[in-house]
Structure formats: structure tokens, C-alpha cells
Amino acid sequence: MPTTICPECDEEVYVDAEMEQGDRVNCDECHTSLVVVGLDPIELDQYDEAEKDIADDEDFGSHDYEQDRF
């Protein structure tokens, strides 16, 4: 299983070999929520809910855009 370093506590984090960019993982040591930002080499960054991409939003497809038109 590949490993990388937690950007928060500098401890080793085990990452599933099948993970893709944008997948999340938690550091077992400091319990920080991390996101995979690079694959070769594997690079992690802190996951910030406020910066979540709108395309990942579950409600994105359910919005009635016609209702918002003037």
C-alpha cells in the first residue's frame, strides 16, 4: 500500500493504490481530513468543505434553473 506524508502532522499516511485525484482520506495520527491532489508522487492537502467543487455537489442536478430566470 502506498504511503505519503500528512501535511498537517508530518506522519506517514497509507493511501489505497486505487485512489484517484480528488478522493479523500483521513490521517490516522491527527485525524485531519485530506484530499488527494497529486498522483505521481501521491500528494495530499487538507480537505476544506468550503472549497468543494460545485460539480461534486449532490444537489447540482436537482436545481430548477428555469425558475430563477427573470
PDB file of N, CA and C in Angstrom:
ATOM      1  N   MET A   1       0.851  -1.172   0.000  1.00  0.00           N
ATOM      2  CA  MET A   1       0.000   0.000   0.000  1.00  0.00           C
ATOM      3  C   MET A   1       0.898   1.236   0.000  1.00  0.00           C
ATOM      4  N   PRO A   2       0.651   2.182  -0.933  1.00  0.00           N
ATOM      5  CA  PRO A   2       1.481   3.385  -0.997  1.00  0.00           C
ATOM      6  C   PRO A   2       1.287   4.278   0.229  1.00  0.00           C
ATOM      7  N   THR A   3       2.310   5.043   0.530  1.00  0.00           N
ATOM      8  CA  THR A   3       2.238   5.987   1.642  1.00  0.00           C
ATOM      9  C   THR A   3       2.710   7.359   1.169  1.00  0.00           C
ATOM     10  N   THR A   4       2.306   8.355   1.932  1.00  0.00           N
ATOM     11  CA  THR A   4       2.766   9.725   1.722  1.00  0.00           C
ATOM     12  C   THR A   4       2.775  10.408   3.085  1.00  0.00           C
ATOM     13  N   ILE A   5       3.124  11.656   3.125  1.00  0.00           N
ATOM     14  CA  ILE A   5       3.248  12.384   4.393  1.00  0.00           C
ATOM     15  C   ILE A   5       2.045  13.308   4.588  1.00  0.00           C
ATOM     16  N   CYS A   6       1.485  13.300   5.791  1.00  0.00           N
ATOM     17  CA  CYS A   6       0.383  14.191   6.148  1.00  0.00           C
ATOM     18  C   CYS A   6       0.915  15.626   6.199  1.00  0.00           C
ATOM     19  N   PRO A   7       0.276  16.555   5.485  1.00  0.00           N
ATOM     20  CA  PRO A   7       0.744  17.944   5.502  1.00  0.00           C
ATOM     21  C   PRO A   7       0.504  18.648   6.840  1.00  0.00           C
ATOM     22  N   GLU A   8      -0.319  18.063   7.700  1.00  0.00           N
ATOM     23  CA  GLU A   8      -0.634  18.673   8.990  1.00  0.00           C
ATOM     24  C   GLU A   8       0.338  18.242  10.081  1.00  0.00           C
ATOM     25  N   CYS A   9       0.584  16.925  10.190  1.00  0.00           N
ATOM     26  CA  CYS A   9       1.388  16.427  11.314  1.00  0.00           C
ATOM     27  C   CYS A   9       2.696  15.749  10.888  1.00  0.00           C
ATOM     28  N   ASP A  10       2.944  15.651   9.591  1.00  0.00           N
ATOM     29  CA  ASP A  10       4.168  15.054   9.037  1.00  0.00           C
ATOM     30  C   ASP A  10       4.316  13.562   9.318  1.00  0.00           C
ATOM     31  N   GLU A  11       3.222  12.889   9.653  1.00  0.00           N
ATOM     32  CA  GLU A  11       3.252  11.439   9.842  1.00  0.00           C
ATOM     33  C   GLU A  11       2.918  10.740   8.524  1.00  0.00           C
ATOM     34  N   GLU A  12       3.287   9.479   8.442  1.00  0.00           N
ATOM     35  CA  GLU A  12       3.023   8.684   7.258  1.00  0.00           C
ATOM     36  C   GLU A  12       1.532   8.352   7.154  1.00  0.00           C
ATOM     37  N   VAL A  13       0.964   8.512   5.954  1.00  0.00           N
ATOM     38  CA  VAL A  13      -0.437   8.208   5.702  1.00  0.00           C
ATOM     39  C   VAL A  13      -0.493   7.129   4.627  1.00  0.00           C
ATOM     40  N   TYR A  14      -1.232   6.057   4.909  1.00  0.00           N
ATOM     41  CA  TYR A  14      -1.411   4.984   3.930  1.00  0.00           C
ATOM     42  C   TYR A  14      -2.545   5.360   2.987  1.00  0.00           C
ATOM     43  N   VAL A  15      -2.284   5.240   1.686  1.00  0.00           N
ATOM     44  CA  VAL A  15      -3.248   5.614   0.661  1.00  0.00           C
ATOM     45  C   VAL A  15      -3.520   4.381  -0.198  1.00  0.00           C
ATOM     46  N   ASP A  16      -4.790   4.107  -0.446  1.00  0.00           N
ATOM     47  CA  ASP A  16      -5.186   2.986  -1.290  1.00  0.00           C
ATOM     48  C   ASP A  16      -4.623   3.194  -2.697  1.00  0.00           C
ATOM     49  N   ALA A  17      -4.065   2.151  -3.282  1.00  0.00           N
ATOM     50  CA  ALA A  17      -3.468   2.240  -4.614  1.00  0.00           C
ATOM     51  C   ALA A  17      -4.495   2.597  -5.683  1.00  0.00           C
ATOM     52  N   GLU A  18      -5.775   2.366  -5.417  1.00  0.00           N
ATOM     53  CA  GLU A  18      -6.849   2.655  -6.377  1.00  0.00           C
ATOM     54  C   GLU A  18      -7.388   4.076  -6.271  1.00  0.00           C
ATOM     55  N   MET A  19      -6.873   4.877  -5.334  1.00  0.00           N
ATOM     56  CA  MET A  19      -7.380   6.237  -5.157  1.00  0.00           C
ATOM     57  C   MET A  19      -7.067   7.092  -6.374  1.00  0.00           C
ATOM     58  N   GLU A  20      -7.952   8.060  -6.613  1.00  0.00           N
ATOM     59  CA  GLU A  20      -7.789   8.999  -7.714  1.00  0.00           C
ATOM     60  C   GLU A  20      -7.726  10.409  -7.163  1.00  0.00           C
ATOM     61  N   GLN A  21      -7.306  11.337  -7.999  1.00  0.00           N
ATOM     62  CA  GLN A  21      -7.245  12.735  -7.603  1.00  0.00           C
ATOM     63  C   GLN A  21      -8.638  13.199  -7.184  1.00  0.00           C
ATOM     64  N   GLY A  22      -8.721  13.865  -6.036  1.00  0.00           N
ATOM     65  CA  GLY A  22      -9.998  14.331  -5.506  1.00  0.00           C
ATOM     66  C   GLY A  22     -10.576  13.423  -4.438  1.00  0.00           C
ATOM     67  N   ASP A  23     -10.066  12.188  -4.327  1.00  0.00           N
ATOM     68  CA  ASP A  23     -10.534  11.276  -3.278  1.00  0.00           C
ATOM     69  C   ASP A  23     -10.041  11.766  -1.923  1.00  0.00           C
ATOM     70  N   ARG A  24     -10.791  11.405  -0.883  1.00  0.00           N
ATOM     71  CA  ARG A  24     -10.439  11.837   0.474  1.00  0.00           C
ATOM     72  C   ARG A  24      -9.931  10.677   1.313  1.00  0.00           C
ATOM     73  N   VAL A  25      -9.078  11.010   2.257  1.00  0.00           N
ATOM     74  CA  VAL A  25      -8.512  10.054   3.204  1.00  0.00           C
ATOM     75  C   VAL A  25      -8.300  10.802   4.519  1.00  0.00           C
ATOM     76  N   ASN A  26      -8.312  10.075   5.641  1.00  0.00           N
ATOM     77  CA  ASN A  26      -8.057  10.684   6.946  1.00  0.00           C
ATOM     78  C   ASN A  26      -6.707  10.229   7.467  1.00  0.00           C
ATOM     79  N   CYS A  27      -6.009  11.137   8.109  1.00  0.00           N
ATOM     80  CA  CYS A  27      -4.747  10.796   8.764  1.00  0.00           C
ATOM     81  C   CYS A  27      -5.069  10.056  10.049  1.00  0.00           C
ATOM     82  N   ASP A  28      -4.484   8.886  10.231  1.00  0.00           N
ATOM     83  CA  ASP A  28      -4.730   8.096  11.437  1.00  0.00           C
ATOM     84  C   ASP A  28      -4.131   8.744  12.687  1.00  0.00           C
ATOM     85  N   GLU A  29      -3.117   9.563  12.496  1.00  0.00           N
ATOM     86  CA  GLU A  29      -2.436  10.168  13.633  1.00  0.00           C
ATOM     87  C   GLU A  29      -3.153  11.420  14.152  1.00  0.00           C
ATOM     88  N   CYS A  30      -3.436  12.388  13.266  1.00  0.00           N
ATOM     89  CA  CYS A  30      -4.033  13.660  13.705  1.00  0.00           C
ATOM     90  C   CYS A  30      -5.511  13.788  13.320  1.00  0.00           C
ATOM     91  N   HIS A  31      -6.032  12.811  12.569  1.00  0.00           N
ATOM     92  CA  HIS A  31      -7.439  12.741  12.170  1.00  0.00           C
ATOM     93  C   HIS A  31      -7.871  13.883  11.245  1.00  0.00           C
ATOM     94  N   THR A  32      -6.907  14.511  10.570  1.00  0.00           N
ATOM     95  CA  THR A  32      -7.216  15.559   9.610  1.00  0.00           C
ATOM     96  C   THR A  32      -7.805  14.932   8.350  1.00  0.00           C
ATOM     97  N   SER A  33      -8.841  15.555   7.802  1.00  0.00           N
ATOM     98  CA  SER A  33      -9.426  15.109   6.541  1.00  0.00           C
ATOM     99  C   SER A  33      -8.556  15.653   5.410  1.00  0.00           C
ATOM    100  N   LEU A  34      -8.095  14.750   4.546  1.00  0.00           N
ATOM    101  CA  LEU A  34      -7.171  15.115   3.477  1.00  0.00           C
ATOM    102  C   LEU A  34      -7.764  14.754   2.126  1.00  0.00           C
ATOM    103  N   VAL A  35      -7.289  15.417   1.088  1.00  0.00           N
ATOM    104  CA  VAL A  35      -7.726  15.149  -0.276  1.00  0.00           C
ATOM    105  C   VAL A  35      -6.485  14.850  -1.122  1.00  0.00           C
ATOM    106  N   VAL A  36      -6.612  13.899  -2.039  1.00  0.00           N
ATOM    107  CA  VAL A  36      -5.516  13.562  -2.945  1.00  0.00           C
ATOM    108  C   VAL A  36      -5.450  14.650  -4.015  1.00  0.00           C
ATOM    109  N   VAL A  37      -4.314  15.367  -4.084  1.00  0.00           N
ATOM    110  CA  VAL A  37      -4.150  16.431  -5.071  1.00  0.00           C
ATOM    111  C   VAL A  37      -3.129  16.074  -6.145  1.00  0.00           C
ATOM    112  N   GLY A  38      -2.368  15.025  -5.913  1.00  0.00           N
ATOM    113  CA  GLY A  38      -1.382  14.572  -6.891  1.00  0.00           C
ATOM    114  C   GLY A  38      -1.241  13.066  -6.835  1.00  0.00           C
ATOM    115  N   LEU A  39      -0.919  12.463  -7.979  1.00  0.00           N
ATOM    116  CA  LEU A  39      -0.839  11.002  -8.035  1.00  0.00           C
ATOM    117  C   LEU A  39       0.575  10.466  -8.249  1.00  0.00           C
ATOM    118  N   ASP A  40       1.453  11.224  -8.851  1.00  0.00           N
ATOM    119  CA  ASP A  40       2.792  10.713  -9.139  1.00  0.00           C
ATOM    120  C   ASP A  40       3.825  11.791  -8.881  1.00  0.00           C
ATOM    121  N   PRO A  41       4.299  11.953  -7.680  1.00  0.00           N
ATOM    122  CA  PRO A  41       4.041  11.139  -6.490  1.00  0.00           C
ATOM    123  C   PRO A  41       2.713  11.507  -5.833  1.00  0.00           C
ATOM    124  N   ILE A  42       2.242  10.640  -4.954  1.00  0.00           N
ATOM    125  CA  ILE A  42       0.993  10.889  -4.235  1.00  0.00           C
ATOM    126  C   ILE A  42       1.191  12.099  -3.336  1.00  0.00           C
ATOM    127  N   GLU A  43       0.293  13.056  -3.455  1.00  0.00           N
ATOM    128  CA  GLU A  43       0.375  14.280  -2.664  1.00  0.00           C
ATOM    129  C   GLU A  43      -0.988  14.560  -2.053  1.00  0.00           C
ATOM    130  N   LEU A  44      -0.981  14.939  -0.779  1.00  0.00           N
ATOM    131  CA  LEU A  44      -2.209  15.231  -0.046  1.00  0.00           C
ATOM    132  C   LEU A  44      -2.237  16.685   0.381  1.00  0.00           C
ATOM    133  N   ASP A  45      -3.454  17.203   0.540  1.00  0.00           N
ATOM    134  CA  ASP A  45      -3.653  18.547   1.073  1.00  0.00           C
ATOM    135  C   ASP A  45      -4.848  18.472   2.013  1.00  0.00           C
ATOM    136  N   GLN A  46      -4.982  19.427   2.909  1.00  0.00           N
ATOM    137  CA  GLN A  46      -6.130  19.441   3.811  1.00  0.00           C
ATOM    138  C   GLN A  46      -7.401  19.627   3.007  1.00  0.00           C
ATOM    139  N   TYR A  47      -8.436  18.857   3.335  1.00  0.00           N
ATOM    140  CA  TYR A  47      -9.722  18.978   2.677  1.00  0.00           C
ATOM    141  C   TYR A  47     -10.486  20.110   3.330  1.00  0.00           C
ATOM    142  N   ASP A  48     -10.969  21.040   2.512  1.00  0.00           N
ATOM    143  CA  ASP A  48     -11.726  22.178   3.008  1.00  0.00           C
ATOM    144  C   ASP A  48     -13.111  22.141   2.383  1.00  0.00           C
ATOM    145  N   GLU A  49     -14.130  21.887   3.174  1.00  0.00           N
ATOM    146  CA  GLU A  49     -15.510  21.783   2.694  1.00  0.00           C
ATOM    147  C   GLU A  49     -15.939  23.043   1.955  1.00  0.00           C
ATOM    148  N   ALA A  50     -15.441  24.206   2.364  1.00  0.00           N
ATOM    149  CA  ALA A  50     -15.834  25.466   1.738  1.00  0.00           C
ATOM    150  C   ALA A  50     -15.325  25.578   0.307  1.00  0.00           C
ATOM    151  N   GLU A  51     -14.242  24.884  -0.015  1.00  0.00           N
ATOM    152  CA  GLU A  51     -13.670  24.940  -1.351  1.00  0.00           C
ATOM    153  C   GLU A  51     -14.148  23.800  -2.236  1.00  0.00           C
ATOM    154  N   LYS A  52     -15.128  23.056  -1.782  1.00  0.00           N
ATOM    155  CA  LYS A  52     -15.651  21.920  -2.532  1.00  0.00           C
ATOM    156  C   LYS A  52     -16.150  22.373  -3.903  1.00  0.00           C
ATOM    157  N   ASP A  53     -15.802  21.628  -4.931  1.00  0.00           N
ATOM    158  CA  ASP A  53     -16.192  21.963  -6.298  1.00  0.00           C
ATOM    159  C   ASP A  53     -17.694  21.784  -6.467  1.00  0.00           C
ATOM    160  N   ILE A  54     -18.349  22.733  -7.108  1.00  0.00           N
ATOM    161  CA  ILE A  54     -19.804  22.666  -7.290  1.00  0.00           C
ATOM    162  C   ILE A  54     -20.207  21.446  -8.107  1.00  0.00           C
ATOM    163  N   ALA A  55     -19.353  20.953  -8.961  1.00  0.00           N
ATOM    164  CA  ALA A  55     -19.666  19.776  -9.768  1.00  0.00           C
ATOM    165  C   ALA A  55     -19.793  18.532  -8.893  1.00  0.00           C
ATOM    166  N   ASP A  56     -19.201  18.546  -7.717  1.00  0.00           N
ATOM    167  CA  ASP A  56     -19.298  17.415  -6.799  1.00  0.00           C
ATOM    168  C   ASP A  56     -20.540  17.507  -5.915  1.00  0.00           C
ATOM    169  N   ASP A  57     -21.252  18.620  -5.982  1.00  0.00           N
ATOM    170  CA  ASP A  57     -22.423  18.828  -5.139  1.00  0.00           C
ATOM    171  C   ASP A  57     -23.557  17.901  -5.554  1.00  0.00           C
ATOM    172  N   GLU A  58     -24.110  17.147  -4.619  1.00  0.00           N
ATOM    173  CA  GLU A  58     -25.174  16.197  -4.910  1.00  0.00           C
ATOM    174  C   GLU A  58     -26.436  16.874  -5.428  1.00  0.00           C
ATOM    175  N   ASP A  59     -26.683  18.119  -5.024  1.00  0.00           N
ATOM    176  CA  ASP A  59     -27.898  18.822  -5.418  1.00  0.00           C
ATOM    177  C   ASP A  59     -27.731  19.598  -6.720  1.00  0.00           C
ATOM    178  N   PHE A  60     -26.583  19.513  -7.345  1.00  0.00           N
ATOM    179  CA  PHE A  60     -26.291  20.275  -8.550  1.00  0.00           C
ATOM    180  C   PHE A  60     -27.309  20.005  -9.654  1.00  0.00           C
ATOM    181  N   GLY A  61     -27.651  18.750  -9.883  1.00  0.00           N
ATOM    182  CA  GLY A  61     -28.567  18.397 -10.953  1.00  0.00           C
ATOM    183  C   GLY A  61     -30.022  18.611 -10.614  1.00  0.00           C
ATOM    184  N   SER A  62     -30.350  18.830  -9.362  1.00  0.00           N
ATOM    185  CA  SER A  62     -31.748  18.945  -8.968  1.00  0.00           C
ATOM    186  C   SER A  62     -32.255  20.389  -8.925  1.00  0.00           C
ATOM    187  N   HIS A  63     -31.415  21.349  -9.213  1.00  0.00           N
ATOM    188  CA  HIS A  63     -31.816  22.756  -9.165  1.00  0.00           C
ATOM    189  C   HIS A  63     -32.661  23.108 -10.380  1.00  0.00           C
ATOM    190  N   ASP A  64     -33.721  23.845 -10.181  1.00  0.00           N
ATOM    191  CA  ASP A  64     -34.604  24.287 -11.261  1.00  0.00           C
ATOM    192  C   ASP A  64     -34.132  25.650 -11.757  1.00  0.00           C
ATOM    193  N   TYR A  65     -33.325  25.637 -12.809  1.00  0.00           N
ATOM    194  CA  TYR A  65     -32.755  26.872 -13.327  1.00  0.00           C
ATOM    195  C   TYR A  65     -33.809  27.749 -14.006  1.00  0.00           C
ATOM    196  N   GLU A  66     -34.808  27.171 -14.583  1.00  0.00           N
ATOM    197  CA  GLU A  66     -35.871  27.939 -15.241  1.00  0.00           C
ATOM    198  C   GLU A  66     -36.590  28.843 -14.253  1.00  0.00           C
ATOM    199  N   GLN A  67     -36.742  28.408 -13.031  1.00  0.00           N
ATOM    200  CA  GLN A  67     -37.436  29.192 -12.014  1.00  0.00           C
ATOM    201  C   GLN A  67     -36.667  30.463 -11.653  1.00  0.00           C
ATOM    202  N   ASP A  68     -35.353  30.443 -11.796  1.00  0.00           N
ATOM    203  CA  ASP A  68     -34.508  31.585 -11.439  1.00  0.00           C
ATOM    204  C   ASP A  68     -34.393  32.616 -12.551  1.00  0.00           C
ATOM    205  N   ARG A  69     -35.001  32.380 -13.682  1.00  0.00           N
ATOM    206  CA  ARG A  69     -34.901  33.323 -14.813  1.00  0.00           C
ATOM    207  C   ARG A  69     -35.838  34.503 -14.591  1.00  0.00           C
ATOM    208  N   PHE A  70     -35.472  35.643 -15.071  1.00  0.00           N
ATOM    209  CA  PHE A  70     -36.278  36.860 -14.928  1.00  0.00           C
ATOM    210  C   PHE A  70     -37.289  36.968 -16.032  1.00  0.00           C
TER     211      PHE A  70
END
